[in-house]
Amino acid sequence: MATNDLIQRLPMVGGPALDVAGESHRRKVETFIAGAGITSGDVVMWDTSKTGAERAYTVIATTNVATGQALACGVALHTAAANARVDVVVSGYVALANAGTVAGAGAKLGAIGVGEVSTMPVQATGQPALNAFGVSLGAKVGNFCPMIVYPQF
């Protein structure tokens, strides 16, 4: 964890918004250990089957929680086998997050379903359900949607 924190910078007028590696400076990426196989775009959560400090650096694909998985911590940038390193967006832009039902741009997303985000259900009070994970930036295309991940830690 805490692989690095880049200082926020904005591109010069007319300059590229991405750095040479194609990463936005408006997101934070951390490296974790995959507790099981993870697919690129999967929403991941802390692996509570581990003990001690391993819980803080081991992740698995999220499990299905109708109100949003509270243990969700980010979106995997690439596929990883069990016990391999996996880079995870823990805050900011994700171009291809695995998606279930997404209402379109501006939908509050929760880590609902196995490794995917979906539009949060509305509570009886009319407010979005707890455990919002991020917000969609566009409609679902195929099995993916662009989104912003809210900082989880």
Protein backbone atom coordinates (compact mmCIF):
# COMPACT_ATOMS: atom_id res chain seq x y z
CA MET A 1 0.00 0.00 0.00
CA ALA A 2 0.97 3.64 -0.26
CA THR A 3 2.95 2.97 -3.42
CA ASN A 4 3.02 6.70 -4.12
CA ASP A 5 1.02 9.89 -3.96
CA LEU A 6 1.55 12.22 -6.88
CA ILE A 7 1.13 15.91 -6.34
CA GLN A 8 -1.95 17.12 -8.17
CA ARG A 9 -1.15 18.96 -11.37
CA LEU A 10 -3.23 20.29 -14.20
CA PRO A 11 -2.14 20.22 -17.85
CA MET A 12 -1.06 23.41 -19.58
CA VAL A 13 -3.72 24.99 -21.77
CA GLY A 14 -3.89 22.83 -24.88
CA GLY A 15 -1.65 20.19 -23.27
CA PRO A 16 -2.46 16.54 -22.66
CA ALA A 17 -4.59 15.67 -19.62
CA LEU A 18 -2.71 12.38 -19.16
CA ASP A 19 0.92 11.69 -18.38
CA VAL A 20 3.19 9.56 -20.57
CA ALA A 21 1.91 6.36 -18.95
CA GLY A 22 -1.67 7.34 -19.84
CA GLU A 23 -2.70 7.85 -16.23
CA SER A 24 -4.73 10.76 -14.97
CA HIS A 25 -3.19 12.83 -12.21
CA ARG A 26 -6.63 12.98 -10.66
CA ARG A 27 -6.61 9.42 -9.39
CA LYS A 28 -4.75 7.38 -6.81
CA VAL A 29 -3.53 3.85 -7.52
CA GLU A 30 -2.33 1.39 -4.85
CA THR A 31 -0.76 -2.04 -5.23
CA PHE A 32 -2.29 -4.96 -3.32
CA ILE A 33 -2.00 -8.77 -3.29
CA ALA A 34 -4.86 -10.69 -4.91
CA GLY A 35 -6.39 -13.14 -2.42
CA ALA A 36 -8.04 -14.95 -5.36
CA GLY A 37 -8.17 -14.44 -9.12
CA ILE A 38 -9.23 -10.89 -10.06
CA THR A 39 -10.31 -9.69 -13.51
CA SER A 40 -9.50 -6.27 -14.95
CA GLY A 41 -12.32 -3.86 -14.02
CA ASP A 42 -13.45 -5.86 -10.98
CA VAL A 43 -14.46 -3.90 -7.91
CA VAL A 44 -12.34 -5.28 -5.08
CA MET A 45 -12.73 -5.45 -1.31
CA TRP A 46 -10.55 -6.19 1.69
CA ASP A 47 -10.09 -9.97 2.13
CA THR A 48 -11.51 -10.62 5.60
CA SER A 49 -10.55 -14.30 5.44
CA LYS A 50 -6.97 -13.15 6.14
CA THR A 51 -5.69 -12.35 9.62
CA GLY A 52 -3.67 -9.51 11.07
CA ALA A 53 -2.02 -7.03 8.75
CA GLU A 54 -2.69 -9.26 5.70
CA ARG A 55 -6.24 -7.89 5.76
CA ALA A 56 -4.85 -4.44 4.89
CA TYR A 57 -3.03 -5.49 1.72
CA THR A 58 -5.00 -8.47 0.36
CA VAL A 59 -8.07 -7.93 -1.85
CA ILE A 60 -10.66 -10.09 -3.61
CA ALA A 61 -13.55 -9.34 -5.96
CA THR A 62 -16.49 -7.90 -4.04
CA THR A 63 -19.26 -10.17 -2.83
CA ASN A 64 -22.94 -9.49 -3.50
CA VAL A 65 -24.50 -7.03 -1.02
CA ALA A 66 -27.78 -5.41 -2.11
CA THR A 67 -27.07 -2.14 -0.26
CA GLY A 68 -23.44 -1.89 -1.41
CA GLN A 69 -20.40 -3.74 -0.09
CA ALA A 70 -18.96 -1.57 2.71
CA LEU A 71 -15.57 -3.34 2.38
CA ALA A 72 -15.08 -2.23 -1.25
CA CYS A 73 -11.84 -0.31 -1.68
CA GLY A 74 -11.25 0.17 -5.42
CA VAL A 75 -11.28 -1.09 -9.02
CA ALA A 76 -8.60 -3.43 -10.42
CA LEU A 77 -6.64 -2.05 -13.38
CA HIS A 78 -5.56 -5.46 -14.68
CA THR A 79 -6.19 -9.18 -14.31
CA ALA A 80 -4.23 -10.94 -11.55
CA ALA A 81 -3.94 -14.53 -10.37
CA ALA A 82 -4.20 -15.44 -6.69
CA ASN A 83 -1.18 -14.23 -4.67
CA ALA A 84 -0.05 -11.88 -7.49
CA ARG A 85 0.23 -8.11 -7.23
CA VAL A 86 -2.70 -6.10 -8.55
CA ASP A 87 -2.92 -2.34 -9.13
CA VAL A 88 -6.17 -0.85 -7.86
CA VAL A 89 -7.67 2.61 -8.39
CA VAL A 90 -8.65 3.65 -4.86
CA SER A 91 -9.73 7.17 -5.79
CA GLY A 92 -10.55 8.88 -9.07
CA TYR A 93 -11.20 7.99 -12.69
CA VAL A 94 -11.75 4.46 -14.01
CA ALA A 95 -12.49 4.04 -17.72
CA LEU A 96 -13.79 0.45 -17.57
CA ALA A 97 -15.38 -0.68 -14.31
CA ASN A 98 -17.36 -3.95 -14.39
CA ALA A 99 -20.99 -2.91 -14.20
CA GLY A 100 -24.35 -4.46 -13.45
CA THR A 101 -27.31 -2.10 -13.77
CA VAL A 102 -26.20 1.50 -14.31
CA ALA A 103 -28.80 4.23 -14.87
CA GLY A 104 -26.41 6.47 -16.85
CA ALA A 105 -24.19 9.46 -16.11
CA GLY A 106 -24.53 10.83 -12.61
CA ALA A 107 -25.86 7.63 -11.03
CA LYS A 108 -24.61 6.93 -7.49
CA LEU A 109 -22.90 3.56 -7.69
CA GLY A 110 -22.49 0.87 -5.07
CA ALA A 111 -20.33 -2.22 -5.04
CA ILE A 112 -23.34 -4.45 -5.69
CA GLY A 113 -22.90 -7.87 -7.21
CA VAL A 114 -19.78 -9.96 -7.58
CA GLY A 115 -16.96 -7.61 -8.62
CA GLU A 116 -19.25 -4.99 -10.13
CA VAL A 117 -20.90 -1.64 -9.52
CA SER A 118 -24.59 -0.90 -9.95
CA THR A 119 -26.89 2.05 -9.37
CA MET A 120 -27.66 2.30 -5.65
CA PRO A 121 -31.19 1.45 -4.54
CA VAL A 122 -33.21 4.26 -2.95
CA GLN A 123 -34.15 4.01 0.73
CA ALA A 124 -37.72 4.46 1.94
CA THR A 125 -36.75 8.04 2.91
CA GLY A 126 -36.02 8.79 -0.75
CA GLN A 127 -32.29 9.12 -0.05
CA PRO A 128 -29.72 6.91 -1.83
CA ALA A 129 -28.74 3.80 0.09
CA LEU A 130 -25.64 3.80 2.26
CA ASN A 131 -22.20 2.67 1.07
CA ALA A 132 -22.05 4.61 -2.20
CA PHE A 133 -18.78 3.64 -3.89
CA GLY A 134 -18.66 6.23 -6.68
CA VAL A 135 -20.53 7.96 -9.47
CA SER A 136 -20.99 6.96 -13.11
CA LEU A 137 -19.67 9.22 -15.85
CA GLY A 138 -21.66 7.60 -18.64
CA ALA A 139 -23.96 4.79 -19.64
CA LYS A 140 -22.98 1.15 -19.41
CA VAL A 141 -21.48 -0.13 -22.68
CA GLY A 142 -21.10 -3.87 -22.88
CA ASN A 143 -20.33 -4.91 -19.31
CA PHE A 144 -18.46 -1.74 -18.36
CA CYS A 145 -19.02 1.89 -17.41
CA PRO A 146 -16.72 4.87 -16.81
CA MET A 147 -16.79 6.11 -13.22
CA ILE A 148 -15.17 8.09 -10.44
CA VAL A 149 -14.26 6.00 -7.38
CA TYR A 150 -14.83 7.83 -4.09
CA PRO A 151 -11.82 7.67 -1.74
CA GLN A 152 -12.43 4.80 0.68
CA PHE A 153 -9.43 5.29 2.97
